[in-house]
Amino acid sequence: MLNPSAAAITGAVFMGAVALAMAVGNLVIPGYGQAFLDVVASVYPGYNAEATVAQAAIVTVYCAIDGAIAGFLLSSIYNRLAE
C-alpha cells in the first residue's frame, strides 16, 4: 500500500522542482525550455511564460499543487485497485 500523503508531497516537490528549473533556466538562457513553458501557460490562468521572477514563482506554485493532487489521486487509486 502506498501512503497518499507521502505521494502528494513527493509529487509536489518533483513537479515544483521541474517547473522551477525550467523557469530559472529560461531566465538565465532566454528561450531555454520555452516550448515546455508555452504548453504550461496554456493550462494555468495567470501564467504567460514570460521570463520574470514573478512568473517563475507562479508556475512553480501551480505545478507543485498539481503534483500534490496527482500524487494523492494516483496513490489512492492504486491502493483501491490493490485491495
PDB file of N, CA and C in Angstrom:
ATOM      1  N   MET A   1       0.832  -1.185   0.000  1.00  0.00           N
ATOM      2  CA  MET A   1       0.000   0.000   0.000  1.00  0.00           C
ATOM      3  C   MET A   1       0.883   1.258   0.000  1.00  0.00           C
ATOM      4  N   LEU A   2       0.435   2.219  -0.724  1.00  0.00           N
ATOM      5  CA  LEU A   2       1.149   3.487  -0.800  1.00  0.00           C
ATOM      6  C   LEU A   2       0.548   4.482   0.186  1.00  0.00           C
ATOM      7  N   ASN A   3       1.373   5.351   0.694  1.00  0.00           N
ATOM      8  CA  ASN A   3       0.919   6.401   1.589  1.00  0.00           C
ATOM      9  C   ASN A   3       0.532   7.619   0.744  1.00  0.00           C
ATOM     10  N   PRO A   4      -0.771   7.952   0.672  1.00  0.00           N
ATOM     11  CA  PRO A   4      -1.196   9.072  -0.172  1.00  0.00           C
ATOM     12  C   PRO A   4      -0.576  10.414   0.221  1.00  0.00           C
ATOM     13  N   SER A   5      -0.357  10.637   1.505  1.00  0.00           N
ATOM     14  CA  SER A   5       0.255  11.906   1.935  1.00  0.00           C
ATOM     15  C   SER A   5       1.694  12.011   1.441  1.00  0.00           C
ATOM     16  N   ALA A   6       2.430  10.922   1.565  1.00  0.00           N
ATOM     17  CA  ALA A   6       3.820  10.921   1.098  1.00  0.00           C
ATOM     18  C   ALA A   6       3.877  11.074  -0.419  1.00  0.00           C
ATOM     19  N   ALA A   7       2.961  10.428  -1.119  1.00  0.00           N
ATOM     20  CA  ALA A   7       2.918  10.553  -2.576  1.00  0.00           C
ATOM     21  C   ALA A   7       2.576  11.979  -2.991  1.00  0.00           C
ATOM     22  N   ALA A   8       1.694  12.629  -2.245  1.00  0.00           N
ATOM     23  CA  ALA A   8       1.336  14.017  -2.544  1.00  0.00           C
ATOM     24  C   ALA A   8       2.532  14.940  -2.345  1.00  0.00           C
ATOM     25  N   ILE A   9       3.260  14.746  -1.262  1.00  0.00           N
ATOM     26  CA  ILE A   9       4.438  15.580  -1.012  1.00  0.00           C
ATOM     27  C   ILE A   9       5.500  15.340  -2.077  1.00  0.00           C
ATOM     28  N   THR A  10       5.718  14.080  -2.421  1.00  0.00           N
ATOM     29  CA  THR A  10       6.708  13.744  -3.446  1.00  0.00           C
ATOM     30  C   THR A  10       6.329  14.353  -4.791  1.00  0.00           C
ATOM     31  N   GLY A  11       5.061  14.239  -5.161  1.00  0.00           N
ATOM     32  CA  GLY A  11       4.599  14.821  -6.415  1.00  0.00           C
ATOM     33  C   GLY A  11       4.750  16.328  -6.437  1.00  0.00           C
ATOM     34  N   ALA A  12       4.425  16.968  -5.321  1.00  0.00           N
ATOM     35  CA  ALA A  12       4.539  18.426  -5.246  1.00  0.00           C
ATOM     36  C   ALA A  12       5.987  18.880  -5.377  1.00  0.00           C
ATOM     37  N   VAL A  13       6.879  18.214  -4.674  1.00  0.00           N
ATOM     38  CA  VAL A  13       8.294  18.587  -4.737  1.00  0.00           C
ATOM     39  C   VAL A  13       8.854  18.351  -6.134  1.00  0.00           C
ATOM     40  N   PHE A  14       8.550  17.195  -6.713  1.00  0.00           N
ATOM     41  CA  PHE A  14       9.091  16.879  -8.038  1.00  0.00           C
ATOM     42  C   PHE A  14       8.572  17.839  -9.101  1.00  0.00           C
ATOM     43  N   MET A  15       7.267  18.005  -9.176  1.00  0.00           N
ATOM     44  CA  MET A  15       6.696  18.872 -10.214  1.00  0.00           C
ATOM     45  C   MET A  15       7.102  20.335 -10.007  1.00  0.00           C
ATOM     46  N   GLY A  16       7.122  20.770  -8.754  1.00  0.00           N
ATOM     47  CA  GLY A  16       7.550  22.136  -8.470  1.00  0.00           C
ATOM     48  C   GLY A  16       9.001  22.364  -8.863  1.00  0.00           C
ATOM     49  N   ALA A  17       9.853  21.370  -8.587  1.00  0.00           N
ATOM     50  CA  ALA A  17      11.269  21.497  -8.924  1.00  0.00           C
ATOM     51  C   ALA A  17      11.491  21.530 -10.437  1.00  0.00           C
ATOM     52  N   VAL A  18      10.743  20.715 -11.155  1.00  0.00           N
ATOM     53  CA  VAL A  18      10.873  20.704 -12.619  1.00  0.00           C
ATOM     54  C   VAL A  18      10.454  22.060 -13.200  1.00  0.00           C
ATOM     55  N   ALA A  19       9.313  22.558 -12.735  1.00  0.00           N
ATOM     56  CA  ALA A  19       8.839  23.851 -13.242  1.00  0.00           C
ATOM     57  C   ALA A  19       9.800  24.976 -12.879  1.00  0.00           C
ATOM     58  N   LEU A  20      10.305  24.953 -11.644  1.00  0.00           N
ATOM     59  CA  LEU A  20      11.250  25.987 -11.219  1.00  0.00           C
ATOM     60  C   LEU A  20      12.535  25.921 -12.042  1.00  0.00           C
ATOM     61  N   ALA A  21      13.032  24.718 -12.289  1.00  0.00           N
ATOM     62  CA  ALA A  21      14.257  24.566 -13.086  1.00  0.00           C
ATOM     63  C   ALA A  21      14.066  25.114 -14.498  1.00  0.00           C
ATOM     64  N   MET A  22      12.926  24.822 -15.109  1.00  0.00           N
ATOM     65  CA  MET A  22      12.663  25.330 -16.455  1.00  0.00           C
ATOM     66  C   MET A  22      12.533  26.849 -16.454  1.00  0.00           C
ATOM     67  N   ALA A  23      11.822  27.382 -15.470  1.00  0.00           N
ATOM     68  CA  ALA A  23      11.611  28.830 -15.419  1.00  0.00           C
ATOM     69  C   ALA A  23      12.915  29.571 -15.143  1.00  0.00           C
ATOM     70  N   VAL A  24      13.722  29.061 -14.236  1.00  0.00           N
ATOM     71  CA  VAL A  24      15.007  29.701 -13.947  1.00  0.00           C
ATOM     72  C   VAL A  24      15.947  29.546 -15.142  1.00  0.00           C
ATOM     73  N   GLY A  25      15.925  28.381 -15.774  1.00  0.00           N
ATOM     74  CA  GLY A  25      16.724  28.198 -16.975  1.00  0.00           C
ATOM     75  C   GLY A  25      16.346  29.198 -18.061  1.00  0.00           C
ATOM     76  N   ASN A  26      15.055  29.492 -18.159  1.00  0.00           N
ATOM     77  CA  ASN A  26      14.576  30.459 -19.141  1.00  0.00           C
ATOM     78  C   ASN A  26      14.992  31.877 -18.765  1.00  0.00           C
ATOM     79  N   LEU A  27      15.104  32.157 -17.467  1.00  0.00           N
ATOM     80  CA  LEU A  27      15.589  33.473 -17.033  1.00  0.00           C
ATOM     81  C   LEU A  27      17.059  33.649 -17.380  1.00  0.00           C
ATOM     82  N   VAL A  28      17.850  32.597 -17.176  1.00  0.00           N
ATOM     83  CA  VAL A  28      19.294  32.669 -17.388  1.00  0.00           C
ATOM     84  C   VAL A  28      19.649  32.595 -18.873  1.00  0.00           C
ATOM     85  N   ILE A  29      19.014  31.671 -19.583  1.00  0.00           N
ATOM     86  CA  ILE A  29      19.262  31.484 -21.012  1.00  0.00           C
ATOM     87  C   ILE A  29      17.947  31.718 -21.748  1.00  0.00           C
ATOM     88  N   PRO A  30      17.749  32.900 -22.313  1.00  0.00           N
ATOM     89  CA  PRO A  30      16.490  33.187 -22.994  1.00  0.00           C
ATOM     90  C   PRO A  30      16.159  32.132 -24.053  1.00  0.00           C
ATOM     91  N   GLY A  31      14.926  31.633 -24.004  1.00  0.00           N
ATOM     92  CA  GLY A  31      14.479  30.627 -24.948  1.00  0.00           C
ATOM     93  C   GLY A  31      14.591  29.212 -24.425  1.00  0.00           C
ATOM     94  N   TYR A  32      15.340  29.012 -23.325  1.00  0.00           N
ATOM     95  CA  TYR A  32      15.507  27.665 -22.772  1.00  0.00           C
ATOM     96  C   TYR A  32      14.172  27.149 -22.224  1.00  0.00           C
ATOM     97  N   GLY A  33      13.746  25.998 -22.687  1.00  0.00           N
ATOM     98  CA  GLY A  33      12.513  25.390 -22.208  1.00  0.00           C
ATOM     99  C   GLY A  33      11.253  26.140 -22.600  1.00  0.00           C
ATOM    100  N   GLN A  34      11.356  26.996 -23.596  1.00  0.00           N
ATOM    101  CA  GLN A  34      10.219  27.841 -23.965  1.00  0.00           C
ATOM    102  C   GLN A  34       9.020  27.026 -24.427  1.00  0.00           C
ATOM    103  N   ALA A  35       9.246  25.952 -25.160  1.00  0.00           N
ATOM    104  CA  ALA A  35       8.129  25.121 -25.625  1.00  0.00           C
ATOM    105  C   ALA A  35       7.376  24.523 -24.435  1.00  0.00           C
ATOM    106  N   PHE A  36       8.120  24.029 -23.442  1.00  0.00           N
ATOM    107  CA  PHE A  36       7.506  23.489 -22.230  1.00  0.00           C
ATOM    108  C   PHE A  36       6.703  24.576 -21.515  1.00  0.00           C
ATOM    109  N   LEU A  37       7.295  25.738 -21.361  1.00  0.00           N
ATOM    110  CA  LEU A  37       6.627  26.831 -20.650  1.00  0.00           C
ATOM    111  C   LEU A  37       5.401  27.332 -21.407  1.00  0.00           C
ATOM    112  N   ASP A  38       5.445  27.313 -22.720  1.00  0.00           N
ATOM    113  CA  ASP A  38       4.272  27.708 -23.510  1.00  0.00           C
ATOM    114  C   ASP A  38       3.123  26.724 -23.324  1.00  0.00           C
ATOM    115  N   VAL A  39       3.436  25.434 -23.279  1.00  0.00           N
ATOM    116  CA  VAL A  39       2.393  24.431 -23.037  1.00  0.00           C
ATOM    117  C   VAL A  39       1.789  24.626 -21.649  1.00  0.00           C
ATOM    118  N   VAL A  40       2.649  24.840 -20.664  1.00  0.00           N
ATOM    119  CA  VAL A  40       2.170  25.046 -19.292  1.00  0.00           C
ATOM    120  C   VAL A  40       1.315  26.316 -19.213  1.00  0.00           C
ATOM    121  N   ALA A  41       1.707  27.347 -19.949  1.00  0.00           N
ATOM    122  CA  ALA A  41       0.953  28.605 -19.946  1.00  0.00           C
ATOM    123  C   ALA A  41      -0.444  28.425 -20.525  1.00  0.00           C
ATOM    124  N   SER A  42      -0.610  27.449 -21.407  1.00  0.00           N
ATOM    125  CA  SER A  42      -1.931  27.222 -21.982  1.00  0.00           C
ATOM    126  C   SER A  42      -2.877  26.555 -20.988  1.00  0.00           C
ATOM    127  N   VAL A  43      -2.343  26.027 -19.903  1.00  0.00           N
ATOM    128  CA  VAL A  43      -3.152  25.316 -18.911  1.00  0.00           C
ATOM    129  C   VAL A  43      -3.482  26.194 -17.703  1.00  0.00           C
ATOM    130  N   TYR A  44      -2.519  26.974 -17.242  1.00  0.00           N
ATOM    131  CA  TYR A  44      -2.670  27.730 -15.996  1.00  0.00           C
ATOM    132  C   TYR A  44      -3.055  29.187 -16.237  1.00  0.00           C
ATOM    133  N   PRO A  45      -4.181  29.621 -15.681  1.00  0.00           N
ATOM    134  CA  PRO A  45      -4.553  31.039 -15.807  1.00  0.00           C
ATOM    135  C   PRO A  45      -3.601  31.908 -14.976  1.00  0.00           C
ATOM    136  N   GLY A  46      -3.248  33.054 -15.512  1.00  0.00           N
ATOM    137  CA  GLY A  46      -2.360  33.960 -14.799  1.00  0.00           C
ATOM    138  C   GLY A  46      -0.893  33.738 -15.097  1.00  0.00           C
ATOM    139  N   TYR A  47      -0.578  32.657 -15.796  1.00  0.00           N
ATOM    140  CA  TYR A  47       0.811  32.400 -16.179  1.00  0.00           C
ATOM    141  C   TYR A  47       0.925  32.577 -17.678  1.00  0.00           C
ATOM    142  N   ASN A  48       1.886  33.416 -18.112  1.00  0.00           N
ATOM    143  CA  ASN A  48       2.000  33.691 -19.546  1.00  0.00           C
ATOM    144  C   ASN A  48       3.381  33.383 -20.128  1.00  0.00           C
ATOM    145  N   ALA A  49       4.201  32.614 -19.424  1.00  0.00           N
ATOM    146  CA  ALA A  49       5.500  32.134 -19.906  1.00  0.00           C
ATOM    147  C   ALA A  49       6.501  33.243 -20.196  1.00  0.00           C
ATOM    148  N   GLU A  50       6.375  34.372 -19.524  1.00  0.00           N
ATOM    149  CA  GLU A  50       7.379  35.425 -19.651  1.00  0.00           C
ATOM    150  C   GLU A  50       8.549  35.098 -18.731  1.00  0.00           C
ATOM    151  N   ALA A  51       9.712  35.573 -19.084  1.00  0.00           N
ATOM    152  CA  ALA A  51      10.920  35.315 -18.305  1.00  0.00           C
ATOM    153  C   ALA A  51      11.059  36.348 -17.194  1.00  0.00           C
ATOM    154  N   THR A  52      10.245  36.204 -16.141  1.00  0.00           N
ATOM    155  CA  THR A  52      10.340  37.072 -14.973  1.00  0.00           C
ATOM    156  C   THR A  52      10.328  36.210 -13.714  1.00  0.00           C
ATOM    157  N   VAL A  53      10.812  36.775 -12.629  1.00  0.00           N
ATOM    158  CA  VAL A  53      10.841  36.047 -11.353  1.00  0.00           C
ATOM    159  C   VAL A  53       9.420  35.769 -10.879  1.00  0.00           C
ATOM    160  N   ALA A  54       8.517  36.721 -11.047  1.00  0.00           N
ATOM    161  CA  ALA A  54       7.124  36.531 -10.619  1.00  0.00           C
ATOM    162  C   ALA A  54       6.470  35.384 -11.383  1.00  0.00           C
ATOM    163  N   GLN A  55       6.706  35.319 -12.682  1.00  0.00           N
ATOM    164  CA  GLN A  55       6.133  34.234 -13.481  1.00  0.00           C
ATOM    165  C   GLN A  55       6.745  32.884 -13.100  1.00  0.00           C
ATOM    166  N   ALA A  56       8.022  32.872 -12.738  1.00  0.00           N
ATOM    167  CA  ALA A  56       8.666  31.640 -12.282  1.00  0.00           C
ATOM    168  C   ALA A  56       8.015  31.158 -10.980  1.00  0.00           C
ATOM    169  N   ALA A  57       7.708  32.077 -10.092  1.00  0.00           N
ATOM    170  CA  ALA A  57       7.049  31.711  -8.830  1.00  0.00           C
ATOM    171  C   ALA A  57       5.648  31.175  -9.085  1.00  0.00           C
ATOM    172  N   ILE A  58       4.928  31.812  -9.996  1.00  0.00           N
ATOM    173  CA  ILE A  58       3.560  31.384 -10.299  1.00  0.00           C
ATOM    174  C   ILE A  58       3.547  29.972 -10.867  1.00  0.00           C
ATOM    175  N   VAL A  59       4.410  29.681 -11.835  1.00  0.00           N
ATOM    176  CA  VAL A  59       4.411  28.359 -12.450  1.00  0.00           C
ATOM    177  C   VAL A  59       4.883  27.303 -11.452  1.00  0.00           C
ATOM    178  N   THR A  60       5.785  27.656 -10.566  1.00  0.00           N
ATOM    179  CA  THR A  60       6.251  26.705  -9.552  1.00  0.00           C
ATOM    180  C   THR A  60       5.119  26.325  -8.605  1.00  0.00           C
ATOM    181  N   VAL A  61       4.362  27.305  -8.158  1.00  0.00           N
ATOM    182  CA  VAL A  61       3.245  27.029  -7.249  1.00  0.00           C
ATOM    183  C   VAL A  61       2.169  26.203  -7.945  1.00  0.00           C
ATOM    184  N   TYR A  62       1.806  26.582  -9.154  1.00  0.00           N
ATOM    185  CA  TYR A  62       0.801  25.830  -9.907  1.00  0.00           C
ATOM    186  C   TYR A  62       1.218  24.370 -10.080  1.00  0.00           C
ATOM    187  N   CYS A  63       2.456  24.156 -10.500  1.00  0.00           N
ATOM    188  CA  CYS A  63       2.918  22.786 -10.743  1.00  0.00           C
ATOM    189  C   CYS A  63       3.039  21.995  -9.444  1.00  0.00           C
ATOM    190  N   ALA A  64       3.423  22.639  -8.367  1.00  0.00           N
ATOM    191  CA  ALA A  64       3.502  21.945  -7.085  1.00  0.00           C
ATOM    192  C   ALA A  64       2.113  21.495  -6.630  1.00  0.00           C
ATOM    193  N   ILE A  65       1.134  22.350  -6.803  1.00  0.00           N
ATOM    194  CA  ILE A  65      -0.243  21.985  -6.432  1.00  0.00           C
ATOM    195  C   ILE A  65      -0.729  20.823  -7.298  1.00  0.00           C
ATOM    196  N   ASP A  66      -0.491  20.898  -8.603  1.00  0.00           N
ATOM    197  CA  ASP A  66      -0.892  19.807  -9.496  1.00  0.00           C
ATOM    198  C   ASP A  66      -0.166  18.504  -9.157  1.00  0.00           C
ATOM    199  N   GLY A  67       1.110  18.602  -8.818  1.00  0.00           N
ATOM    200  CA  GLY A  67       1.871  17.420  -8.446  1.00  0.00           C
ATOM    201  C   GLY A  67       1.339  16.779  -7.177  1.00  0.00           C
ATOM    202  N   ALA A  68       0.943  17.599  -6.216  1.00  0.00           N
ATOM    203  CA  ALA A  68       0.377  17.074  -4.972  1.00  0.00           C
ATOM    204  C   ALA A  68      -0.949  16.368  -5.238  1.00  0.00           C
ATOM    205  N   ILE A  69      -1.789  16.985  -6.028  1.00  0.00           N
ATOM    206  CA  ILE A  69      -3.085  16.381  -6.355  1.00  0.00           C
ATOM    207  C   ILE A  69      -2.881  15.069  -7.117  1.00  0.00           C
ATOM    208  N   ALA A  70      -1.996  15.081  -8.095  1.00  0.00           N
ATOM    209  CA  ALA A  70      -1.749  13.873  -8.889  1.00  0.00           C
ATOM    210  C   ALA A  70      -1.172  12.757  -8.031  1.00  0.00           C
ATOM    211  N   GLY A  71      -0.219  13.079  -7.174  1.00  0.00           N
ATOM    212  CA  GLY A  71       0.364  12.062  -6.302  1.00  0.00           C
ATOM    213  C   GLY A  71      -0.659  11.451  -5.375  1.00  0.00           C
ATOM    214  N   PHE A  72      -1.508  12.295  -4.785  1.00  0.00           N
ATOM    215  CA  PHE A  72      -2.538  11.799  -3.880  1.00  0.00           C
ATOM    216  C   PHE A  72      -3.543  10.913  -4.620  1.00  0.00           C
ATOM    217  N   LEU A  73      -4.037  11.404  -5.761  1.00  0.00           N
ATOM    218  CA  LEU A  73      -5.040  10.643  -6.503  1.00  0.00           C
ATOM    219  C   LEU A  73      -4.490   9.327  -7.042  1.00  0.00           C
ATOM    220  N   LEU A  74      -3.295   9.365  -7.617  1.00  0.00           N
ATOM    221  CA  LEU A  74      -2.731   8.138  -8.175  1.00  0.00           C
ATOM    222  C   LEU A  74      -2.455   7.092  -7.099  1.00  0.00           C
ATOM    223  N   SER A  75      -1.957   7.517  -5.955  1.00  0.00           N
ATOM    224  CA  SER A  75      -1.706   6.555  -4.882  1.00  0.00           C
ATOM    225  C   SER A  75      -3.015   6.027  -4.301  1.00  0.00           C
ATOM    226  N   SER A  76      -4.021   6.861  -4.225  1.00  0.00           N
ATOM    227  CA  SER A  76      -5.319   6.401  -3.731  1.00  0.00           C
ATOM    228  C   SER A  76      -5.953   5.393  -4.688  1.00  0.00           C
ATOM    229  N   ILE A  77      -5.871   5.676  -5.974  1.00  0.00           N
ATOM    230  CA  ILE A  77      -6.395   4.735  -6.965  1.00  0.00           C
ATOM    231  C   ILE A  77      -5.619   3.421  -6.905  1.00  0.00           C
ATOM    232  N   TYR A  78      -4.318   3.502  -6.802  1.00  0.00           N
ATOM    233  CA  TYR A  78      -3.504   2.292  -6.694  1.00  0.00           C
ATOM    234  C   TYR A  78      -3.911   1.467  -5.480  1.00  0.00           C
ATOM    235  N   ASN A  79      -4.091   2.124  -4.332  1.00  0.00           N
ATOM    236  CA  ASN A  79      -4.469   1.411  -3.115  1.00  0.00           C
ATOM    237  C   ASN A  79      -5.822   0.737  -3.276  1.00  0.00           C
ATOM    238  N   ARG A  80      -6.769   1.404  -3.927  1.00  0.00           N
ATOM    239  CA  ARG A  80      -8.098   0.803  -4.148  1.00  0.00           C
ATOM    240  C   ARG A  80      -7.994  -0.427  -5.046  1.00  0.00           C
ATOM    241  N   LEU A  81      -7.206  -0.321  -6.100  1.00  0.00           N
ATOM    242  CA  LEU A  81      -7.073  -1.434  -7.033  1.00  0.00           C
ATOM    243  C   LEU A  81      -6.269  -2.590  -6.434  1.00  0.00           C
ATOM    244  N   ALA A  82      -5.359  -2.284  -5.526  1.00  0.00           N
ATOM    245  CA  ALA A  82      -4.518  -3.315  -4.926  1.00  0.00           C
ATOM    246  C   ALA A  82      -5.260  -4.127  -3.861  1.00  0.00           C
ATOM    247  N   GLU A  83      -6.392  -3.632  -3.391  1.00  0.00           N
ATOM    248  CA  GLU A  83      -7.152  -4.343  -2.337  1.00  0.00           C
ATOM    249  C   GLU A  83      -7.727  -5.638  -2.830  1.00  0.00           C
TER     250      GLU A  83
END
